[in-house]
């Protein structure tokens, strides 16, 4: 008698192939012959994983009816809902949720199904997941977000990939626009990746701001956002468009304690190391530019000195900057 559960060198059974192809007739024949419904291949993937990846409702329904578990992860930590969400399969995602799939399960990279849907721009699936009561917790900051090198959020992932509609959905659902990870806020990610439309949207959002750090020489950052430290990898020029957008939103070079970098510096790729100080601001670490602003070009206030290796856009006088 043929072994219906025989696995090839990749760990595939016949049911794996049938689920991946979405062939309902083959699935029915194999299940009738007692094919193991939750058999795993060499990557820990089960037929239900491949049916979710493939994205058709009927194969999913048949495998689920045969008793396949919705929350057993693969070796990469992904449940079938991760795959359905990533590939934008709305009906399959809805079916998995109806069968008690847990949308809060994180894969080995720390991402939930909602994270993947936001990262890949799956608007319908994002809306579906946000309507799930279980997903409310995913909008809240997680302990260690600011120090975890893999820490992220749905808003950060949508921002860095330029998914405007998803950002709007997340903000409407109540996610904190200033939520921070080790990479900074969503504004940092958008500026780093050159997503001018996202920067414009984030700057246009008006929410009650936290109290800014006290600084006698600096000016407040945009009303909806507050600066955080910028790792050096952010300091790559993304052009005049981002710079104008940030400054139009109210971003001014305030007093970033501890030698951090402001949004306008980020948009220009500007770094002022050494002992640069402006407007009388003292004792705040490395870079200071108290009232620095732009009016068609970069200008420093009276008395500002740029020492060491100060540059803007690759040249100390780039974009009309005067010292």
Protein backbone atom coordinates (compact mmCIF):
# COMPACT_ATOMS: atom_id res chain seq x y z
CA UNK A 1 0.00 0.00 0.00
CA UNK A 2 1.27 3.46 -0.86
CA UNK A 3 2.51 5.59 2.01
CA UNK A 4 0.32 8.70 1.75
CA UNK A 5 2.58 10.56 4.20
CA UNK A 6 5.89 9.85 2.48
CA UNK A 7 8.11 12.95 2.48
CA UNK A 8 10.67 13.99 -0.13
CA UNK A 9 14.10 15.44 0.57
CA UNK A 10 12.55 18.82 1.40
CA UNK A 11 10.09 17.21 3.79
CA UNK A 12 7.16 17.73 1.42
CA UNK A 13 4.29 15.27 1.53
CA UNK A 14 1.71 14.96 -1.22
CA UNK A 15 -0.65 17.07 0.90
CA UNK A 16 1.92 19.88 1.03
CA UNK A 17 1.98 19.98 -2.76
CA UNK A 18 -1.80 19.85 -3.07
CA UNK A 19 -2.23 22.70 -0.56
CA UNK A 20 0.40 24.84 -2.26
CA UNK A 21 -1.26 24.30 -5.65
CA UNK A 22 -4.72 24.98 -4.24
CA UNK A 23 -6.07 21.77 -5.81
CA UNK A 24 -9.23 20.98 -3.86
CA UNK A 25 -9.81 17.63 -5.61
CA UNK A 26 -6.35 16.39 -4.65
CA UNK A 27 -6.72 17.68 -1.09
CA UNK A 28 -10.01 15.79 -0.72
CA UNK A 29 -8.49 12.54 -2.06
CA UNK A 30 -5.45 12.76 0.23
CA UNK A 31 -7.44 13.62 3.34
CA UNK A 32 -9.80 10.71 2.61
CA UNK A 33 -6.70 8.48 2.43
CA UNK A 34 -5.74 9.62 5.96
CA UNK A 35 -2.99 12.05 5.02
CA UNK A 36 -1.52 13.67 8.13
CA UNK A 37 -2.97 17.19 8.15
CA UNK A 38 -0.27 18.80 10.30
CA UNK A 39 2.79 17.06 8.88
CA UNK A 40 5.83 19.38 8.80
CA UNK A 41 8.41 19.86 6.06
CA UNK A 42 12.08 20.63 6.69
CA UNK A 43 11.24 24.25 7.55
CA UNK A 44 8.45 23.35 9.95
CA UNK A 45 5.82 24.40 7.42
CA UNK A 46 2.54 22.49 7.36
CA UNK A 47 -0.01 22.16 4.56
CA UNK A 48 -2.03 24.93 6.24
CA UNK A 49 0.95 27.28 5.93
CA UNK A 50 1.11 26.68 2.20
CA UNK A 51 -2.64 27.02 1.78
CA UNK A 52 -2.48 30.39 3.57
CA UNK A 53 0.45 31.47 1.40
CA UNK A 54 -1.42 30.41 -1.73
CA UNK A 55 -4.45 32.39 -0.61
CA UNK A 56 -7.54 30.50 -1.83
CA UNK A 57 -10.49 30.02 0.49
CA UNK A 58 -11.62 26.50 -0.42
CA UNK A 59 -8.30 24.70 0.15
CA UNK A 60 -8.01 26.55 3.47
CA UNK A 61 -11.50 25.55 4.47
CA UNK A 62 -10.83 21.88 3.72
CA UNK A 63 -7.57 21.72 5.67
CA UNK A 64 -9.09 23.56 8.61
CA UNK A 65 -12.10 21.26 8.62
CA UNK A 66 -9.71 18.31 8.76
CA UNK A 67 -8.44 19.65 12.08
CA UNK A 68 -5.29 21.57 11.24
CA UNK A 69 -4.08 23.85 14.03
CA UNK A 70 -4.00 27.58 13.27
CA UNK A 71 -1.36 28.53 15.84
CA UNK A 72 1.47 26.02 15.35
CA UNK A 73 4.49 28.04 14.14
CA UNK A 74 7.06 27.13 11.52
CA UNK A 75 10.77 27.02 12.31
CA UNK A 76 10.85 30.76 11.58
CA UNK A 77 8.12 31.32 14.15
CA UNK A 78 5.40 32.10 11.63
CA UNK A 79 1.85 30.86 11.90
CA UNK A 80 -0.35 30.68 8.78
CA UNK A 81 -1.80 34.12 9.60
CA UNK A 82 1.67 35.66 9.12
CA UNK A 83 1.77 34.37 5.55
CA UNK A 84 -1.82 35.33 4.72
CA UNK A 85 -1.30 38.84 6.11
CA UNK A 86 2.04 39.39 4.38
CA UNK A 87 0.59 38.45 1.00
CA UNK A 88 -2.62 40.41 1.47
CA UNK A 89 -5.07 37.50 1.45
CA UNK A 90 -8.06 39.13 3.13
CA UNK A 91 -10.54 36.22 3.01
CA UNK A 92 -7.98 33.70 4.23
CA UNK A 93 -6.88 36.01 7.04
CA UNK A 94 -10.49 36.48 8.08
CA UNK A 95 -11.05 32.72 8.08
CA UNK A 96 -8.00 32.13 10.26
CA UNK A 97 -9.17 34.76 12.75
CA UNK A 98 -12.59 33.12 12.87
CA UNK A 99 -10.80 29.87 13.79
CA UNK A 100 -9.07 31.61 16.71
CA UNK A 101 -5.74 32.34 15.11
CA UNK A 102 -3.74 34.57 17.46
CA UNK A 103 -2.71 37.81 15.70
CA UNK A 104 -0.35 38.71 18.55
CA UNK A 105 2.11 35.85 17.92
CA UNK A 106 5.54 37.14 16.91
CA UNK A 107 7.85 35.34 14.50
CA UNK A 108 11.58 34.91 15.09
CA UNK A 109 12.25 38.45 13.86
CA UNK A 110 9.75 39.88 16.35
CA UNK A 111 7.03 40.65 13.81
CA UNK A 112 3.31 39.97 14.15
CA UNK A 113 0.88 39.47 11.26
CA UNK A 114 -0.10 43.14 11.65
CA UNK A 115 3.55 44.19 11.32
CA UNK A 116 3.91 42.25 8.06
CA UNK A 117 0.66 43.60 6.63
CA UNK A 118 1.85 47.16 7.42
CA UNK A 119 5.31 46.51 6.02
CA UNK A 120 4.02 45.16 2.71
CA UNK A 121 1.17 47.63 2.28
CA UNK A 122 -1.80 45.28 2.67
CA UNK A 123 -4.44 47.87 3.49
CA UNK A 124 -7.45 45.54 3.64
CA UNK A 125 -5.73 43.06 5.94
CA UNK A 126 -4.50 45.88 8.18
CA UNK A 127 -8.07 47.13 8.55
CA UNK A 128 -9.25 43.58 9.30
CA UNK A 129 -6.61 43.06 11.98
CA UNK A 130 -7.22 46.46 13.56
CA UNK A 131 -10.88 45.52 13.90
CA UNK A 132 -9.85 42.49 15.94
CA UNK A 133 -10.04 43.11 19.68
CA UNK A 134 -6.81 41.18 20.21
CA UNK A 135 -4.82 43.61 18.07
CA UNK A 136 -5.41 46.61 20.32
CA UNK A 137 -2.44 45.57 22.44
CA UNK A 138 -0.17 45.65 19.37
CA UNK A 139 -0.59 49.43 19.15
CA UNK A 140 0.95 49.88 22.61
CA UNK A 141 4.72 50.23 23.15
CA UNK A 142 6.53 47.06 24.19
CA UNK A 143 9.08 46.97 27.02
CA UNK A 144 12.58 47.28 25.62
CA UNK A 145 11.49 48.79 22.28
CA UNK A 146 14.01 51.59 22.57
CA UNK A 147 16.96 49.23 23.14
CA UNK A 148 16.04 46.11 21.17
CA UNK A 149 18.03 46.15 17.87
CA UNK A 150 15.14 44.29 16.21
CA UNK A 151 12.44 46.41 17.86
CA UNK A 152 9.87 47.89 15.49
CA UNK A 153 6.20 48.86 15.30
CA UNK A 154 3.47 48.76 12.66
CA UNK A 155 3.82 52.55 12.26
CA UNK A 156 7.59 52.40 11.74
CA UNK A 157 7.25 49.67 9.12
CA UNK A 158 4.51 51.54 7.24
CA UNK A 159 6.48 54.81 7.39
CA UNK A 160 9.77 53.44 6.07
CA UNK A 161 7.95 51.82 3.15
CA UNK A 162 5.79 54.83 2.29
CA UNK A 163 2.34 53.32 2.94
CA UNK A 164 0.28 56.47 3.51
CA UNK A 165 -3.16 54.82 3.79
CA UNK A 166 -1.90 52.37 6.40
CA UNK A 167 -0.35 55.17 8.44
CA UNK A 168 -3.72 56.92 8.48
CA UNK A 169 -5.45 53.72 9.66
CA UNK A 170 -2.91 53.22 12.44
CA UNK A 171 -3.21 56.81 13.64
CA UNK A 172 -7.00 56.58 13.58
CA UNK A 173 -6.74 53.38 15.64
CA UNK A 174 -4.78 55.29 18.28
CA UNK A 175 -1.14 54.32 17.83
CA UNK A 176 1.27 56.80 19.41
CA UNK A 177 2.80 58.92 16.66
CA UNK A 178 5.87 59.41 18.88
CA UNK A 179 6.38 55.74 19.67
CA UNK A 180 10.11 55.09 19.78
CA UNK A 181 12.35 52.20 18.87
CA UNK A 182 16.12 52.07 18.72
CA UNK A 183 15.82 53.62 15.23
CA UNK A 184 13.86 56.58 16.64
CA UNK A 185 10.29 57.49 15.71
CA UNK A 186 8.35 56.82 12.52
CA UNK A 187 9.45 60.27 11.35
CA UNK A 188 13.08 59.16 11.61
CA UNK A 189 12.35 56.11 9.46
CA UNK A 190 10.48 58.12 6.83
CA UNK A 191 13.24 60.72 6.60
CA UNK A 192 15.95 58.05 6.46
CA UNK A 193 14.19 56.29 3.57
CA UNK A 194 13.35 59.49 1.69
CA UNK A 195 9.56 59.20 2.05
CA UNK A 196 8.62 62.87 1.67
CA UNK A 197 4.84 62.26 1.54
CA UNK A 198 5.02 60.32 4.80
CA UNK A 199 7.05 63.08 6.46
CA UNK A 200 4.47 65.62 5.28
CA UNK A 201 1.62 63.51 6.68
CA UNK A 202 3.30 62.99 10.05
CA UNK A 203 4.09 66.66 10.40
CA UNK A 204 0.48 67.55 9.60
CA UNK A 205 -0.91 65.43 12.45
CA UNK A 206 -1.78 67.50 15.50
CA UNK A 207 -1.69 65.71 18.84
CA UNK A 208 -1.01 67.01 22.36
CA UNK A 209 2.80 67.06 22.66
CA UNK A 210 4.85 65.89 25.62
CA UNK A 211 6.71 68.58 27.54
CA UNK A 212 9.98 69.26 25.69
CA UNK A 213 13.35 69.30 27.49
CA UNK A 214 14.10 72.71 28.98
CA UNK A 215 16.49 74.72 26.81
CA UNK A 216 16.77 78.47 27.02
CA UNK A 217 18.26 78.92 23.56
CA UNK A 218 16.35 76.40 21.48
CA UNK A 219 12.91 76.53 19.93
CA UNK A 220 10.18 73.92 20.13
CA UNK A 221 10.03 71.08 17.63
CA UNK A 222 6.89 70.43 15.54
CA UNK A 223 3.74 70.31 17.62
CA UNK A 224 2.95 66.72 16.75
CA UNK A 225 6.45 65.34 17.18
CA UNK A 226 9.50 65.67 19.40
CA UNK A 227 13.08 64.81 18.52
CA UNK A 228 15.03 61.86 19.80
CA UNK A 229 18.62 60.77 19.26
CA UNK A 230 19.63 60.12 15.67
CA UNK A 231 22.09 57.28 15.13
CA UNK A 232 24.85 58.21 12.69
CA UNK A 233 23.33 55.99 10.00
CA UNK A 234 20.50 58.54 9.65
CA UNK A 235 22.88 61.28 8.56
CA UNK A 236 22.62 60.70 4.82
CA UNK A 237 21.29 63.50 2.67
CA UNK A 238 17.81 62.95 1.29
CA UNK A 239 17.58 66.24 -0.60
CA UNK A 240 15.91 69.60 -0.42
CA UNK A 241 12.35 68.23 -0.57
CA UNK A 242 12.56 66.57 2.82
CA UNK A 243 14.39 69.55 4.29
CA UNK A 244 11.72 72.01 3.13
CA UNK A 245 8.96 69.67 4.32
CA UNK A 246 10.47 69.33 7.80
CA UNK A 247 11.05 73.06 8.19
CA UNK A 248 7.57 73.88 6.88
CA UNK A 249 6.23 71.64 9.64
CA UNK A 250 8.02 73.73 12.23
CA UNK A 251 11.24 71.78 12.65
CA UNK A 252 13.99 74.06 13.87
CA UNK A 253 17.44 73.22 15.06
CA UNK A 254 16.77 73.34 18.75
CA UNK A 255 18.98 72.23 21.62
CA UNK A 256 19.36 68.44 21.23
CA UNK A 257 21.00 67.48 24.52
CA UNK A 258 23.74 64.90 24.38
CA UNK A 259 24.99 65.62 20.89
CA UNK A 260 21.93 64.38 18.98
CA UNK A 261 20.74 65.51 15.56
CA UNK A 262 17.51 67.27 14.60
CA UNK A 263 15.08 66.47 11.81
CA UNK A 264 16.24 69.29 9.56
CA UNK A 265 19.83 68.05 9.95
CA UNK A 266 18.63 64.57 9.09
CA UNK A 267 16.92 65.71 5.90
CA UNK A 268 20.07 67.50 4.78
CA UNK A 269 22.55 64.92 6.00
CA UNK A 270 24.04 67.58 8.24
CA UNK A 271 26.29 66.88 11.21
CA UNK A 272 27.98 69.45 13.41
CA UNK A 273 30.60 67.64 15.50
CA UNK A 274 33.13 69.09 17.85
CA UNK A 275 32.09 72.20 19.74
CA UNK A 276 29.57 73.98 17.49
CA UNK A 277 27.31 76.26 19.48
CA UNK A 278 24.76 78.88 18.52
CA UNK A 279 22.55 81.44 20.16
CA UNK A 280 24.28 81.23 23.50
CA UNK A 281 23.31 77.60 24.22
CA UNK A 282 26.02 76.06 26.38
CA UNK A 283 27.03 72.79 27.97
CA UNK A 284 24.74 70.45 26.01
CA UNK A 285 27.21 67.93 24.54
CA UNK A 286 28.35 68.11 20.93
CA UNK A 287 26.14 69.92 18.44
CA UNK A 288 24.08 73.02 19.19
CA UNK A 289 22.28 75.46 16.92
CA UNK A 290 19.87 77.41 19.04
CA UNK A 291 17.68 79.30 16.61
CA UNK A 292 18.82 77.87 13.33
CA UNK A 293 16.21 78.04 10.56
CA UNK A 294 15.84 78.20 6.82
CA UNK A 295 14.53 80.95 4.59
CA UNK A 296 15.51 79.75 1.14
CA UNK A 297 18.82 78.55 2.54
CA UNK A 298 20.53 77.55 5.79
CA UNK A 299 21.44 80.44 8.09
CA UNK A 300 22.98 80.48 11.54
CA UNK A 301 22.21 83.22 14.05
CA UNK A 302 24.70 85.87 15.04
CA UNK A 303 27.67 84.53 16.90
CA UNK A 304 27.32 80.91 15.71
CA UNK A 305 30.63 79.21 15.04
CA UNK A 306 30.99 75.89 13.28
CA UNK A 307 34.23 74.23 14.27
CA UNK A 308 35.96 70.98 13.46
CA UNK A 309 34.28 69.10 10.65
CA UNK A 310 30.98 70.95 10.39
CA UNK A 311 29.27 70.49 7.07
CA UNK A 312 25.85 70.68 5.44
CA UNK A 313 25.03 68.52 2.45
CA UNK A 314 28.74 67.77 2.00
CA UNK A 315 29.94 71.42 2.06
CA UNK A 316 30.06 74.04 4.79
CA UNK A 317 28.46 76.53 2.37
CA UNK A 318 26.01 74.14 0.66
CA UNK A 319 22.43 75.30 0.09
CA UNK A 320 23.30 78.90 0.90
CA UNK A 321 24.58 78.18 4.39
CA UNK A 322 26.54 81.03 6.00
CA UNK A 323 28.77 80.83 9.05
